[in-house]
Protein backbone atom coordinates (compact mmCIF):
# COMPACT_ATOMS: atom_id res chain seq x y z
CA MET A 1 -219.37 -12.89 -76.11
CA HIS A 2 -219.31 -15.47 -78.78
CA TYR A 3 -216.01 -15.22 -80.87
CA LEU A 4 -216.36 -16.69 -84.78
CA HIS A 5 -213.35 -18.31 -84.10
CA GLN A 6 -212.08 -19.07 -80.07
CA ALA A 7 -208.09 -19.59 -80.28
CA ILE A 8 -208.07 -20.01 -76.44
CA THR A 9 -211.23 -21.13 -74.46
CA ASP A 10 -211.94 -19.66 -70.87
CA GLU A 11 -210.77 -23.39 -69.78
CA GLN A 12 -207.31 -22.73 -71.16
CA VAL A 13 -206.98 -19.03 -68.94
CA PRO A 14 -204.88 -20.05 -66.18
CA GLN A 15 -205.33 -18.36 -62.78
CA SER A 16 -203.55 -16.50 -61.46
CA VAL A 17 -201.67 -16.20 -58.53
CA GLU A 18 -203.08 -12.73 -57.84
CA ALA A 19 -206.72 -12.66 -57.52
CA ALA A 20 -206.86 -8.95 -58.57
CA PHE A 21 -204.75 -9.42 -62.08
CA GLN A 22 -207.45 -12.14 -63.05
CA HIS A 23 -208.77 -9.75 -65.42
CA ALA A 24 -205.58 -9.11 -66.99
CA LEU A 25 -205.47 -12.73 -68.24
CA ASP A 26 -209.12 -12.62 -68.80
CA THR A 27 -208.81 -9.67 -71.12
CA TYR A 28 -205.68 -10.93 -73.10
CA ALA A 29 -207.41 -14.37 -73.99
CA SER A 30 -210.27 -12.20 -74.93
CA GLU A 31 -208.04 -10.02 -77.14
CA THR A 32 -206.10 -12.91 -78.39
CA ASN A 33 -209.68 -14.72 -79.62
CA LYS A 34 -210.81 -11.12 -81.47
CA LEU A 35 -207.33 -10.52 -82.99
CA ILE A 36 -207.69 -14.10 -84.45
CA ALA A 37 -211.27 -13.93 -85.33
CA VAL A 38 -210.34 -10.74 -87.65
CA TRP A 39 -207.57 -12.23 -89.35
CA GLN A 40 -209.62 -15.24 -90.24
CA CYS A 41 -211.77 -13.27 -92.54
CA PHE A 42 -208.23 -12.68 -94.69
CA SER A 43 -206.88 -14.65 -97.00
CA ASP A 44 -203.54 -15.16 -98.25
CA ALA A 45 -204.30 -14.04 -101.52
CA ASP A 46 -205.45 -10.58 -99.59
CA PHE A 47 -201.70 -10.29 -98.03
CA GLY A 48 -200.24 -7.43 -100.57
CA TYR A 49 -204.02 -5.46 -100.31
CA ARG A 50 -203.40 -2.08 -99.16
CA PRO A 51 -205.97 0.80 -99.46
CA HIS A 52 -203.56 3.44 -99.98
CA PRO A 53 -200.20 3.86 -100.60
CA LYS A 54 -199.23 4.73 -97.58
CA SER A 55 -200.99 2.67 -95.47
CA SER A 56 -199.39 -1.40 -94.63
CA THR A 57 -200.43 -3.94 -96.32
CA VAL A 58 -202.36 -7.05 -94.50
CA GLU A 59 -199.39 -9.06 -94.63
CA GLU A 60 -197.17 -6.05 -93.11
CA ILE A 61 -199.66 -5.52 -90.03
CA LEU A 62 -199.85 -9.40 -89.53
CA ARG A 63 -195.75 -9.45 -89.29
CA HIS A 64 -195.72 -6.54 -87.18
CA GLU A 65 -198.57 -7.78 -84.81
CA LEU A 66 -196.37 -11.17 -84.12
CA LEU A 67 -192.83 -9.45 -84.14
CA SER A 68 -194.01 -6.46 -81.86
CA GLY A 69 -195.58 -8.54 -79.41
CA ARG A 70 -192.73 -10.91 -78.98
CA ARG A 71 -190.94 -7.09 -78.37
CA PHE A 72 -193.41 -6.14 -76.17
CA PHE A 73 -193.57 -9.43 -73.60
CA GLY A 74 -189.72 -10.21 -74.38
CA GLU A 75 -187.76 -6.87 -73.78
CA PHE A 76 -190.42 -5.16 -71.85
CA LEU A 77 -192.31 -7.59 -69.69
CA GLY A 78 -189.91 -10.39 -69.37
CA ALA A 79 -191.11 -13.02 -70.79
CA PRO A 80 -189.86 -16.45 -72.00
CA GLU A 81 -190.36 -15.33 -75.88
CA PRO A 82 -189.10 -17.25 -78.96
CA GLU A 83 -185.93 -15.84 -80.68
CA GLY A 84 -187.12 -12.91 -83.23
CA SER A 85 -185.88 -15.22 -86.02
CA ALA A 86 -188.28 -18.20 -84.90
CA VAL A 87 -192.15 -15.89 -84.44
CA LEU A 88 -192.83 -15.89 -87.85
CA PRO A 89 -194.18 -19.17 -89.43
CA ALA A 90 -192.79 -20.46 -92.49
CA PRO A 91 -194.80 -20.73 -95.25
CA LEU A 92 -196.27 -17.36 -94.13
CA SER A 93 -200.23 -17.82 -93.81
CA VAL A 94 -203.16 -16.68 -92.52
CA HIS A 95 -203.75 -19.96 -90.85
CA ALA A 96 -200.13 -20.35 -89.48
CA CYS A 97 -200.17 -16.63 -88.17
CA SER A 98 -203.21 -17.49 -86.34
CA GLU A 99 -201.97 -20.59 -85.06
CA ARG A 100 -198.44 -19.24 -83.86
CA MET A 101 -200.71 -16.38 -82.19
CA ARG A 102 -202.47 -18.89 -80.20
CA MET A 103 -199.51 -20.34 -79.09
CA LEU A 104 -197.77 -17.29 -78.23
CA ALA A 105 -200.55 -16.22 -76.37
CA ARG A 106 -201.13 -19.46 -74.21
CA ARG A 107 -197.23 -19.55 -73.06
CA ARG A 108 -197.52 -16.03 -72.09
CA LEU A 109 -201.08 -15.96 -70.20
CA GLU A 110 -198.80 -19.34 -68.14
CA TYR A 111 -195.88 -16.79 -67.51
CA LEU A 112 -198.21 -13.70 -66.66
CA ALA A 113 -200.48 -16.02 -64.12
CA SER A 114 -197.32 -16.87 -62.11
CA ARG A 115 -196.52 -13.45 -61.82
CA THR A 116 -197.15 -11.17 -58.13
CA GLU A 117 -198.37 -7.98 -57.66
CA GLU A 118 -194.84 -6.86 -56.95
CA TRP A 119 -193.87 -7.90 -60.64
CA TRP A 120 -197.03 -6.42 -61.79
CA LEU A 121 -196.52 -3.27 -60.09
CA ALA A 122 -192.86 -2.56 -60.41
CA GLU A 123 -191.50 0.01 -63.12
CA GLN A 124 -189.44 -1.55 -66.04
CA PRO A 125 -187.86 0.49 -69.00
CA PHE A 126 -190.24 1.13 -72.15
CA PHE A 127 -188.79 2.65 -74.87
CA ASP A 128 -187.27 5.80 -73.42
CA ALA A 129 -189.40 6.34 -70.49
CA LYS A 130 -190.10 3.66 -67.28
CA ARG A 131 -193.50 2.18 -66.33
CA GLN A 132 -195.11 -0.26 -63.91
CA ARG A 133 -195.51 -3.78 -65.86
CA ILE A 134 -198.75 -3.52 -65.79
CA TRP A 135 -199.53 -0.11 -67.70
CA ILE A 136 -196.95 -1.76 -70.18
CA PHE A 137 -199.17 -4.58 -70.53
CA TRP A 138 -202.00 -2.39 -71.53
CA ARG A 139 -200.28 -0.86 -73.52
CA ARG A 140 -199.72 -3.64 -75.22
CA VAL A 141 -203.55 -4.83 -75.53
CA LEU A 142 -204.17 -1.09 -76.67
CA HIS A 143 -201.90 -1.69 -79.44
CA THR A 144 -203.13 -5.14 -80.99
CA ALA A 145 -206.37 -3.58 -80.66
CA HIS A 146 -205.34 -0.58 -83.06
CA HIS A 147 -204.51 -2.81 -85.29
CA ARG A 148 -207.68 -5.31 -85.09
CA THR A 149 -209.76 -1.74 -85.84
CA GLN A 150 -207.34 -1.22 -88.94
CA TRP A 151 -208.18 -4.32 -90.32
CA THR A 152 -211.44 -4.17 -89.72
CA VAL A 153 -211.34 -0.89 -91.87
CA TYR A 154 -209.58 -3.25 -94.42
CA LEU A 155 -212.10 -5.97 -94.46
CA ARG A 156 -215.38 -3.28 -94.68
CA LEU A 157 -212.87 -1.61 -97.84
CA LEU A 158 -212.57 -5.43 -99.39
CA GLY A 159 -216.63 -5.49 -99.14
CA ARG A 160 -216.52 -8.26 -96.38
CA ALA A 161 -218.26 -8.97 -93.52
CA VAL A 162 -216.97 -7.30 -90.20
CA PRO A 163 -216.93 -9.73 -87.12
CA PRO A 164 -218.43 -9.11 -83.32
CA THR A 165 -215.57 -8.37 -81.53
CA TYR A 166 -217.41 -6.54 -78.67
CA GLY A 167 -220.91 -6.60 -79.72
CA PRO A 168 -222.68 -7.16 -82.52
CA THR A 169 -222.06 -5.63 -86.01
CA ALA A 170 -223.76 -4.14 -88.81
CA ASP A 171 -223.15 -8.42 -89.90
CA VAL A 172 -223.27 -9.91 -87.32
CA VAL A 173 -226.32 -9.84 -84.69
CA TRP A 174 -227.87 -12.16 -82.19
CA GLN A 175 -231.10 -12.50 -79.86
CA GLY A 176 -229.98 -9.95 -76.44
CA ALA A 177 -227.47 -7.90 -78.18
CA ASP A 178 -228.59 -3.77 -77.08
CA PRO A 179 -226.16 -1.96 -78.69
CA THR A 180 -226.21 1.66 -77.69
CA HIS A 181 -227.43 3.74 -80.54
CA THR A 182 -229.81 6.17 -79.15
CA VAL A 183 -230.02 8.92 -76.05
CA GLU A 184 -232.75 6.76 -74.44
CA ALA A 185 -230.29 3.69 -74.66
CA SER A 186 -227.51 5.64 -73.11
CA GLU A 187 -229.50 6.63 -70.32
CA ARG A 188 -230.41 3.20 -68.82
CA LYS A 189 -229.17 2.82 -65.49
């Protein structure tokens, strides 16, 4: 998959000390690239946009994604994270937030690469429950995917192109892409 904006290249993804967990690092880098590619479709002028009075604004989701990522990695996974007051860039802009996300993700990748199987599988407090760190990690990935999807809906409602994240979109296609839209395609083996 080639992203419109690649914040973390394949060469920048560290090798895990535990080969069985390399997929977690590769996925986190890929998800960061997808997230930033979607962020880059917005401008600072879009910060106040919300499709419904009960919806979050573009700025609120962006701030939430940066701050909640700090909490997930710092509180629940024990990663060395900056103080909460240092997470949001000033002034706040799409570009500055994208760069901050890239920087935070690269630091997190280094930390995750050094973790052992015992660490990944150990239980850790997660809000009012105890969960394995690998579970908490995947919960974070899913959380980010949720908000990325929210943003793609905002893009569509704003009449903007939606960038590819898992494959082609109605706006971006390429030779060799093979989306599954038919029963026949779903039956391929």
